[in-house]
Amino acid sequence: MAETVSPLRISLTAPEGKMGKALALAIAEDPRFVIDLDNGQLLIDFSVPAALEASLAKAVAAKVPILIGTTGLGAQADAALAEAAKSVAVLRSANTSLGVAVLAELVERAAKVLGAGWDIEIAEAHHRGKADAPSGTALILGQAAAAGRGHQLNAEAGRDGTGLERGDGAIGFASLRGGTIAGDHDVMFLGPDERLILSHRAESRMIFARGALAAARFLAARKPGLYSMSDVVGAL
């Protein structure tokens, strides 16, 4: 007789937020998970940067893994995440879509193969209410491209004015905002007489919710440390 496996209990930092509601729908359709706001075995935070400290403290106190999907985190968040990762497993990603995680790997590979002779531009579009730009996903893709080239990200964002010259090795970013776009991203490799464009289109927040649950399953069995969606995809 097969052993019955109890569902993974998930706590949500912002259950009434847009992503909190999407996660609730995804959990409702997957018997491997259940929401437990008080005694979760894993904490998921898709909220606001100001909530990061409290979320990390809660995870560390309860000794449970935590997934941080909040975007717009400042550089000071790195130290807080690293400190929490000494005690619990921490996964931080501005985009939990499995498709985007695969796209980042393709972007890194393309940047490595095509080399410095190709310019790289990243265009992203989101709904009119998104407050940060470039999007966290665009930055993930930019960092992947920079890693493929073997150097740190040199970003040119929000170009405006006249007499502008493209910096050698720079990666350009363009951000569009309007309507109800869940998230469009295009990474353009622009070479002599040809272009390669790698794209991803998010049609609803459910892709982020389902990807977050895949990450939760991965994270639940991990020792303390910092993890990424690349680790999740690599384990599939």
Protein backbone atom coordinates (compact mmCIF):
# COMPACT_ATOMS: atom_id res chain seq x y z
CA MET A 1 0.00 0.00 0.00
CA ALA A 2 1.44 3.38 -1.06
CA GLU A 3 2.40 5.75 1.71
CA THR A 4 0.31 8.90 1.92
CA VAL A 5 2.44 12.05 1.72
CA SER A 6 1.16 15.05 3.63
CA PRO A 7 0.89 18.28 1.61
CA LEU A 8 3.50 20.97 2.14
CA ARG A 9 2.08 23.71 4.35
CA ILE A 10 2.68 27.18 2.86
CA SER A 11 2.54 30.49 4.71
CA LEU A 12 1.98 33.65 2.64
CA THR A 13 3.24 37.07 3.72
CA ALA A 14 0.58 38.96 1.76
CA PRO A 15 -2.32 36.56 1.11
CA GLU A 16 -4.63 39.38 -0.04
CA GLY A 17 -2.15 40.76 -2.58
CA LYS A 18 -2.31 40.00 -6.30
CA MET A 19 0.35 37.32 -6.09
CA GLY A 20 -1.05 36.02 -2.82
CA LYS A 21 -4.38 35.39 -4.53
CA ALA A 22 -2.66 33.79 -7.52
CA LEU A 23 -0.74 31.49 -5.17
CA ALA A 24 -3.97 30.55 -3.41
CA LEU A 25 -5.47 29.52 -6.75
CA ALA A 26 -2.38 27.52 -7.70
CA ILE A 27 -2.34 25.78 -4.32
CA ALA A 28 -6.05 24.97 -4.61
CA GLU A 29 -5.39 23.09 -7.88
CA ASP A 30 -2.38 21.16 -6.54
CA PRO A 31 -2.96 18.62 -3.73
CA ARG A 32 0.74 18.64 -2.85
CA PHE A 33 0.28 22.00 -1.11
CA VAL A 34 -2.01 23.62 1.43
CA ILE A 35 -2.12 27.14 2.88
CA ASP A 36 -1.32 27.43 6.60
CA LEU A 37 -0.82 31.07 7.52
CA ASP A 38 0.13 30.33 11.13
CA ASN A 39 2.29 27.20 11.03
CA GLY A 40 3.64 26.86 7.51
CA GLN A 41 6.59 24.66 6.70
CA LEU A 42 7.75 27.25 4.18
CA LEU A 43 7.16 31.00 3.82
CA ILE A 44 6.52 32.77 0.49
CA ASP A 45 6.83 36.55 0.33
CA PHE A 46 5.57 38.42 -2.75
CA SER A 47 4.90 41.77 -1.10
CA VAL A 48 6.86 45.01 -0.72
CA PRO A 49 10.52 45.75 0.07
CA ALA A 50 9.59 47.16 3.50
CA ALA A 51 8.30 43.72 4.56
CA LEU A 52 11.57 41.89 3.85
CA GLU A 53 13.11 42.27 7.32
CA ALA A 54 10.01 40.97 9.11
CA SER A 55 9.60 38.06 6.68
CA LEU A 56 13.20 36.95 7.08
CA ALA A 57 12.94 37.25 10.87
CA LYS A 58 9.78 35.11 10.87
CA ALA A 59 11.42 32.41 8.74
CA VAL A 60 14.55 32.32 10.88
CA ALA A 61 12.56 32.21 14.12
CA ALA A 62 10.41 29.35 12.82
CA LYS A 63 13.43 27.65 11.19
CA VAL A 64 11.61 27.26 7.86
CA PRO A 65 12.78 28.00 4.29
CA ILE A 66 11.67 31.22 2.63
CA LEU A 67 11.07 32.25 -0.98
CA ILE A 68 11.37 35.98 -1.69
CA GLY A 69 9.65 37.05 -4.91
CA THR A 70 9.46 40.75 -4.06
CA THR A 71 10.86 43.11 -6.71
CA GLY A 72 12.46 46.51 -6.23
CA LEU A 73 14.74 45.39 -3.37
CA GLY A 74 17.67 47.69 -2.80
CA ALA A 75 21.33 46.74 -2.46
CA GLN A 76 20.94 46.66 1.34
CA ALA A 77 18.71 43.60 0.97
CA ASP A 78 21.70 41.47 -0.06
CA ALA A 79 23.21 41.55 3.42
CA ALA A 80 19.89 40.68 5.09
CA LEU A 81 19.32 37.75 2.75
CA ALA A 82 22.86 36.45 3.24
CA GLU A 83 22.50 36.63 7.01
CA ALA A 84 19.19 34.74 6.97
CA ALA A 85 20.70 32.13 4.65
CA LYS A 86 23.11 31.15 7.41
CA SER A 87 20.12 29.73 9.31
CA VAL A 88 17.54 28.69 6.69
CA ALA A 89 17.27 27.99 2.97
CA VAL A 90 16.54 31.26 1.10
CA LEU A 91 15.52 31.58 -2.54
CA ARG A 92 15.33 35.06 -4.01
CA SER A 93 14.02 35.71 -7.51
CA ALA A 94 12.35 38.67 -9.16
CA ASN A 95 10.61 36.19 -11.46
CA THR A 96 9.59 32.65 -10.50
CA SER A 97 8.45 31.60 -13.98
CA LEU A 98 10.16 28.40 -15.07
CA GLY A 99 10.09 29.75 -18.62
CA VAL A 100 12.06 32.84 -17.61
CA ALA A 101 14.58 30.68 -15.72
CA VAL A 102 15.17 28.69 -18.92
CA LEU A 103 15.33 31.93 -20.94
CA ALA A 104 18.08 33.26 -18.64
CA GLU A 105 20.15 30.16 -19.35
CA LEU A 106 19.65 30.63 -23.11
CA VAL A 107 20.62 34.31 -22.85
CA GLU A 108 23.82 33.47 -20.99
CA ARG A 109 24.72 30.86 -23.61
CA ALA A 110 23.98 33.21 -26.51
CA ALA A 111 26.05 36.01 -24.99
CA LYS A 112 29.00 33.66 -24.53
CA VAL A 113 28.83 32.26 -28.08
CA LEU A 114 28.18 35.55 -29.93
CA GLY A 115 30.77 37.54 -28.01
CA ALA A 116 31.49 41.24 -27.70
CA GLY A 117 30.86 41.97 -31.37
CA TRP A 118 27.12 41.82 -30.78
CA ASP A 119 25.26 44.58 -28.94
CA ILE A 120 22.65 43.53 -26.37
CA GLU A 121 19.43 45.41 -25.70
CA ILE A 122 16.62 44.34 -23.36
CA ALA A 123 13.07 45.66 -23.76
CA GLU A 124 10.34 44.97 -21.20
CA ALA A 125 6.67 45.94 -20.90
CA HIS A 126 4.41 45.73 -17.84
CA HIS A 127 1.04 46.93 -16.57
CA ARG A 128 0.55 50.60 -15.79
CA GLY A 129 0.76 50.05 -12.01
CA LYS A 130 4.28 48.60 -11.89
CA ALA A 131 6.41 50.91 -9.78
CA ASP A 132 9.99 49.84 -10.60
CA ALA A 133 12.00 49.96 -13.81
CA PRO A 134 13.79 48.21 -15.34
CA SER A 135 11.85 45.19 -14.17
CA GLY A 136 13.55 42.70 -11.89
CA THR A 137 13.22 40.13 -14.66
CA ALA A 138 14.97 42.41 -17.15
CA LEU A 139 17.85 42.78 -14.69
CA ILE A 140 18.02 38.98 -14.24
CA LEU A 141 18.33 38.64 -18.01
CA GLY A 142 20.91 41.43 -18.16
CA GLN A 143 22.98 39.75 -15.47
CA ALA A 144 22.75 36.47 -17.36
CA ALA A 145 24.02 38.18 -20.52
CA ALA A 146 26.86 39.83 -18.60
CA ALA A 147 27.79 36.48 -17.04
CA GLY A 148 27.95 34.97 -20.52
CA ARG A 149 30.41 37.66 -21.49
CA GLY A 150 32.40 37.07 -18.32
CA HIS A 151 31.98 40.49 -16.68
CA GLN A 152 29.73 42.51 -14.40
CA LEU A 153 26.55 44.09 -15.72
CA ASN A 154 27.17 47.51 -17.31
CA ALA A 155 23.65 48.84 -17.76
CA GLU A 156 22.43 51.75 -19.87
CA ALA A 157 18.84 52.43 -18.84
CA GLY A 158 16.41 55.20 -19.70
CA ARG A 159 18.39 56.83 -22.47
CA ASP A 160 17.21 60.37 -23.18
CA GLY A 161 18.65 63.41 -24.92
CA THR A 162 21.01 63.96 -27.83
CA GLY A 163 24.57 63.08 -28.68
CA LEU A 164 24.31 59.73 -26.94
CA GLU A 165 26.91 57.11 -27.69
CA ARG A 166 26.54 53.47 -26.82
CA GLY A 167 29.22 52.35 -24.37
CA ASP A 168 31.42 49.41 -25.31
CA GLY A 169 30.07 46.28 -23.67
CA ALA A 170 27.02 48.07 -22.29
CA ILE A 171 23.63 46.37 -22.10
CA GLY A 172 20.72 48.68 -22.81
CA PHE A 173 17.33 48.58 -21.09
CA ALA A 174 14.02 50.03 -22.25
CA SER A 175 10.86 49.96 -20.12
CA LEU A 176 7.25 50.37 -21.27
CA ARG A 177 4.24 50.72 -18.94
CA GLY A 178 0.55 50.52 -19.74
CA GLY A 179 -2.68 48.58 -19.61
CA THR A 180 -2.73 45.18 -17.95
CA ILE A 181 0.40 43.56 -19.42
CA ALA A 182 1.54 40.79 -17.07
CA GLY A 183 5.10 40.92 -18.41
CA ASP A 184 6.84 40.93 -21.81
CA HIS A 185 10.62 40.58 -22.18
CA ASP A 186 12.79 40.63 -25.31
CA VAL A 187 16.55 40.17 -25.25
CA MET A 188 17.97 41.41 -28.54
CA PHE A 189 21.41 40.41 -29.77
CA LEU A 190 22.25 42.89 -32.52
CA GLY A 191 25.14 41.89 -34.75
CA PRO A 192 26.49 42.75 -38.18
CA ASP A 193 23.65 42.21 -40.66
CA GLU A 194 21.62 39.95 -38.34
CA ARG A 195 19.59 39.93 -35.13
CA LEU A 196 18.78 37.22 -32.62
CA ILE A 197 15.80 37.91 -30.34
CA LEU A 198 14.97 35.71 -27.35
CA SER A 199 11.54 36.43 -25.91
CA HIS A 200 9.16 35.54 -23.11
CA ARG A 201 5.50 36.50 -22.72
CA ALA A 202 3.66 36.18 -19.42
CA GLU A 203 -0.07 35.82 -20.00
CA SER A 204 -1.11 35.81 -16.33
CA ARG A 205 0.36 35.84 -12.82
CA MET A 206 -0.43 32.14 -12.54
CA ILE A 207 2.87 31.26 -14.24
CA PHE A 208 4.72 32.96 -11.39
CA ALA A 209 2.54 31.21 -8.81
CA ARG A 210 3.09 27.75 -10.32
CA GLY A 211 6.80 28.41 -10.66
CA ALA A 212 6.92 29.53 -7.03
CA LEU A 213 5.36 26.23 -5.97
CA ALA A 214 7.97 24.32 -7.98
CA ALA A 215 10.59 26.40 -6.18
CA ALA A 216 8.90 25.68 -2.84
CA ARG A 217 9.14 21.91 -3.42
CA PHE A 218 12.83 22.34 -4.27
CA LEU A 219 13.52 24.61 -1.29
CA ALA A 220 11.74 22.46 1.31
CA ALA A 221 14.44 19.80 1.11
CA ARG A 222 17.45 22.14 1.07
CA LYS A 223 19.98 23.00 3.74
CA PRO A 224 20.54 26.66 4.76
CA GLY A 225 21.98 28.76 1.96
CA LEU A 226 21.12 31.07 -0.91
CA TYR A 227 19.38 29.57 -3.95
CA SER A 228 18.01 30.78 -7.29
CA MET A 229 15.51 29.70 -9.93
CA SER A 230 18.49 28.39 -11.89
CA ASP A 231 18.98 25.87 -9.09
CA VAL A 232 15.31 24.90 -9.34
CA VAL A 233 15.48 24.34 -13.12
CA GLY A 234 18.72 22.43 -12.73
CA ALA A 235 17.05 20.02 -10.33
CA LEU A 236 14.11 19.22 -12.63
